[in-house]
C-alpha atoms as a PDB file:
ATOM      1  CA  MET A   1     -78.523 -72.006 -38.887  1.00  0.00           C
ATOM      2  CA  GLY A   2     -76.492 -74.921 -38.634  1.00  0.00           C
ATOM      3  CA  PHE A   3     -75.722 -77.368 -41.151  1.00  0.00           C
ATOM      4  CA  LEU A   4     -78.174 -79.661 -40.495  1.00  0.00           C
ATOM      5  CA  LYS A   5     -81.141 -78.012 -40.585  1.00  0.00           C
ATOM      6  CA  LYS A   6     -80.237 -76.690 -43.854  1.00  0.00           C
ATOM      7  CA  TYR A   7     -79.820 -80.305 -45.042  1.00  0.00           C
ATOM      8  CA  LYS A   8     -83.505 -81.363 -43.737  1.00  0.00           C
ATOM      9  CA  ILE A   9     -84.848 -77.600 -46.028  1.00  0.00           C
ATOM     10  CA  ASN A  10     -82.774 -79.025 -49.101  1.00  0.00           C
ATOM     11  CA  PRO A  11     -81.342 -82.455 -48.589  1.00  0.00           C
ATOM     12  CA  LYS A  12     -78.650 -82.959 -51.611  1.00  0.00           C
ATOM     13  CA  ILE A  13     -76.842 -86.716 -51.712  1.00  0.00           C
ATOM     14  CA  SER A  14     -73.965 -84.522 -52.783  1.00  0.00           C
ATOM     15  CA  ARG A  15     -74.013 -82.867 -49.094  1.00  0.00           C
ATOM     16  CA  GLN A  16     -73.877 -86.271 -47.496  1.00  0.00           C
ATOM     17  CA  GLU A  17     -70.336 -87.407 -47.560  1.00  0.00           C
ATOM     18  CA  GLU A  18     -69.368 -83.337 -47.117  1.00  0.00           C
ATOM     19  CA  LEU A  19     -71.700 -83.301 -43.185  1.00  0.00           C
ATOM     20  CA  SER A  20     -70.432 -86.941 -42.375  1.00  0.00           C
ATOM     21  CA  LYS A  21     -66.610 -85.697 -42.902  1.00  0.00           C
ATOM     22  CA  LEU A  22     -68.076 -82.221 -40.879  1.00  0.00           C
ATOM     23  CA  PHE A  23     -69.501 -84.396 -38.046  1.00  0.00           C
ATOM     24  CA  ASP A  24     -66.107 -86.671 -38.109  1.00  0.00           C
ATOM     25  CA  ASP A  25     -63.742 -83.474 -38.120  1.00  0.00           C
ATOM     26  CA  LEU A  26     -65.844 -82.291 -34.951  1.00  0.00           C
ATOM     27  CA  PHE A  27     -65.892 -85.103 -32.957  1.00  0.00           C
ATOM     28  CA  ASN A  28     -62.234 -86.911 -33.952  1.00  0.00           C
ATOM     29  CA  LYS A  29     -60.389 -84.175 -32.205  1.00  0.00           C
ATOM     30  CA  LYS A  30     -58.251 -85.313 -29.199  1.00  0.00           C
ATOM     31  CA  TYR A  31     -57.863 -83.437 -26.241  1.00  0.00           C
ATOM     32  CA  LYS A  32     -55.772 -83.186 -23.171  1.00  0.00           C
ATOM     33  CA  SER A  33     -58.726 -84.522 -20.483  1.00  0.00           C
ATOM     34  CA  SER A  34     -58.979 -87.712 -21.102  1.00  0.00           C
ATOM     35  CA  SER A  35     -63.569 -86.708 -20.069  1.00  0.00           C
ATOM     36  CA  SER A  36     -63.760 -84.775 -22.925  1.00  0.00           C
ATOM     37  CA  ASN A  37     -62.114 -87.651 -25.174  1.00  0.00           C
ATOM     38  CA  ASP A  38     -64.528 -89.854 -23.465  1.00  0.00           C
ATOM     39  CA  LEU A  39     -67.081 -87.736 -24.163  1.00  0.00           C
ATOM     40  CA  LEU A  40     -65.704 -86.903 -28.320  1.00  0.00           C
ATOM     41  CA  SER A  41     -65.844 -91.312 -28.585  1.00  0.00           C
ATOM     42  CA  HIS A  42     -69.459 -91.931 -27.049  1.00  0.00           C
ATOM     43  CA  THR A  43     -70.729 -89.250 -29.815  1.00  0.00           C
ATOM     44  CA  ARG A  44     -68.414 -90.159 -32.371  1.00  0.00           C
ATOM     45  CA  SER A  45     -70.158 -93.914 -30.994  1.00  0.00           C
ATOM     46  CA  ARG A  46     -73.716 -93.058 -31.444  1.00  0.00           C
ATOM     47  CA  LYS A  47     -73.113 -91.092 -35.379  1.00  0.00           C
ATOM     48  CA  GLU A  48     -75.211 -92.777 -37.222  1.00  0.00           C
ATOM     49  CA  GLY A  49     -78.044 -92.702 -35.323  1.00  0.00           C
ATOM     50  CA  LEU A  50     -76.831 -89.055 -35.039  1.00  0.00           C
ATOM     51  CA  LEU A  51     -77.198 -88.651 -38.831  1.00  0.00           C
ATOM     52  CA  LEU A  52     -80.402 -90.361 -40.017  1.00  0.00           C
ATOM     53  CA  VAL A  53     -80.778 -86.426 -41.181  1.00  0.00           C
ATOM     54  CA  LEU A  54     -78.838 -86.949 -44.147  1.00  0.00           C
ATOM     55  CA  LYS A  55     -80.729 -90.336 -45.244  1.00  0.00           C
ATOM     56  CA  TYR A  56     -84.266 -89.274 -44.039  1.00  0.00           C
ATOM     57  CA  PRO A  57     -85.062 -86.233 -43.733  1.00  0.00           C
ATOM     58  CA  PHE A  58     -87.644 -85.922 -43.166  1.00  0.00           C
ATOM     59  CA  ILE A  59     -87.350 -87.160 -38.775  1.00  0.00           C
ATOM     60  CA  PRO A  60     -87.209 -84.832 -36.449  1.00  0.00           C
ATOM     61  CA  LEU A  61     -83.407 -83.176 -35.591  1.00  0.00           C
ATOM     62  CA  HIS A  62     -85.007 -83.214 -31.780  1.00  0.00           C
ATOM     63  CA  ASN A  63     -87.135 -85.269 -29.793  1.00  0.00           C
ATOM     64  CA  ASN A  64     -88.897 -82.199 -28.172  1.00  0.00           C
ATOM     65  CA  ASP A  65     -92.223 -82.732 -29.138  1.00  0.00           C
ATOM     66  CA  SER A  66     -92.017 -86.162 -27.034  1.00  0.00           C
ATOM     67  CA  GLU A  67     -90.471 -84.614 -23.756  1.00  0.00           C
ATOM     68  CA  ARG A  68     -93.048 -81.886 -23.965  1.00  0.00           C
ATOM     69  CA  ASP A  69     -95.975 -84.479 -24.202  1.00  0.00           C
ATOM     70  CA  THR A  70     -94.438 -86.176 -21.158  1.00  0.00           C
ATOM     71  CA  ARG A  71     -93.453 -83.637 -19.274  1.00  0.00           C
ATOM     72  CA  GLU A  72     -97.296 -82.204 -19.327  1.00  0.00           C
ATOM     73  CA  TYR A  73     -98.841 -85.904 -18.319  1.00  0.00           C
ATOM     74  CA  VAL A  74     -95.716 -85.743 -14.953  1.00  0.00           C
ATOM     75  CA  LYS A  75     -97.666 -81.965 -14.807  1.00  0.00           C
ATOM     76  CA  ASN A  76    -100.780 -83.717 -14.435  1.00  0.00           C
ATOM     77  CA  GLU A  77    -100.189 -86.247 -12.376  1.00  0.00           C
ATOM     78  CA  LYS A  78     -98.098 -83.958  -9.795  1.00  0.00           C
ATOM     79  CA  TYR A  79    -101.384 -81.937 -10.300  1.00  0.00           C
ATOM     80  CA  GLN A  80    -103.990 -84.285  -9.541  1.00  0.00           C
ATOM     81  CA  GLU A  81    -101.956 -85.918  -6.867  1.00  0.00           C
ATOM     82  CA  THR A  82    -101.460 -82.354  -5.231  1.00  0.00           C
ATOM     83  CA  LEU A  83    -105.333 -81.586  -5.825  1.00  0.00           C
ATOM     84  CA  VAL A  84    -105.782 -85.502  -3.721  1.00  0.00           C
ATOM     85  CA  ALA A  85    -104.031 -84.440  -0.866  1.00  0.00           C
ATOM     86  CA  MET A  86    -105.429 -80.855  -0.467  1.00  0.00           C
ATOM     87  CA  LYS A  87    -108.552 -82.603   0.071  1.00  0.00           C
ATOM     88  CA  GLU A  88    -107.224 -85.089   2.373  1.00  0.00           C
ATOM     89  CA  ASP A  89    -106.178 -82.657   4.383  1.00  0.00           C
ATOM     90  CA  LYS A  90    -109.046 -80.821   4.531  1.00  0.00           C
ATOM     91  CA  GLN A  91    -110.862 -82.923   5.780  1.00  0.00           C
ATOM     92  CA  GLU A  92    -108.438 -84.052   8.377  1.00  0.00           C
ATOM     93  CA  THR A  93    -108.855 -80.772   9.242  1.00  0.00           C
ATOM     94  CA  HIS A  94    -112.787 -80.434   9.458  1.00  0.00           C
ATOM     95  CA  SER A  95    -112.549 -84.070  11.510  1.00  0.00           C
ATOM     96  CA  GLN A  96    -110.393 -82.524  13.825  1.00  0.00           C
ATOM     97  CA  VAL A  97    -112.297 -79.706  14.995  1.00  0.00           C
END
């Protein structure tokens, strides 16, 4: 289980600094690849938002629920569009006969 998941289960103020330092240790590394360094830098710039769970352990660690809700909406829209197109095709076929 990941460090943040464990923290959410048993949040302790004493662990906040430890986890923040772990984040720094992971994302302050430098590599030969400039693209890797750019990605790490971008992640470091988002540290405050990524570690909000340290201040607010009740917030989710991901946005999968939001994405799932949106995906269902989009799938339903595509389904409706497909039904309309099929109905129109069927009407065109019958009018040509």
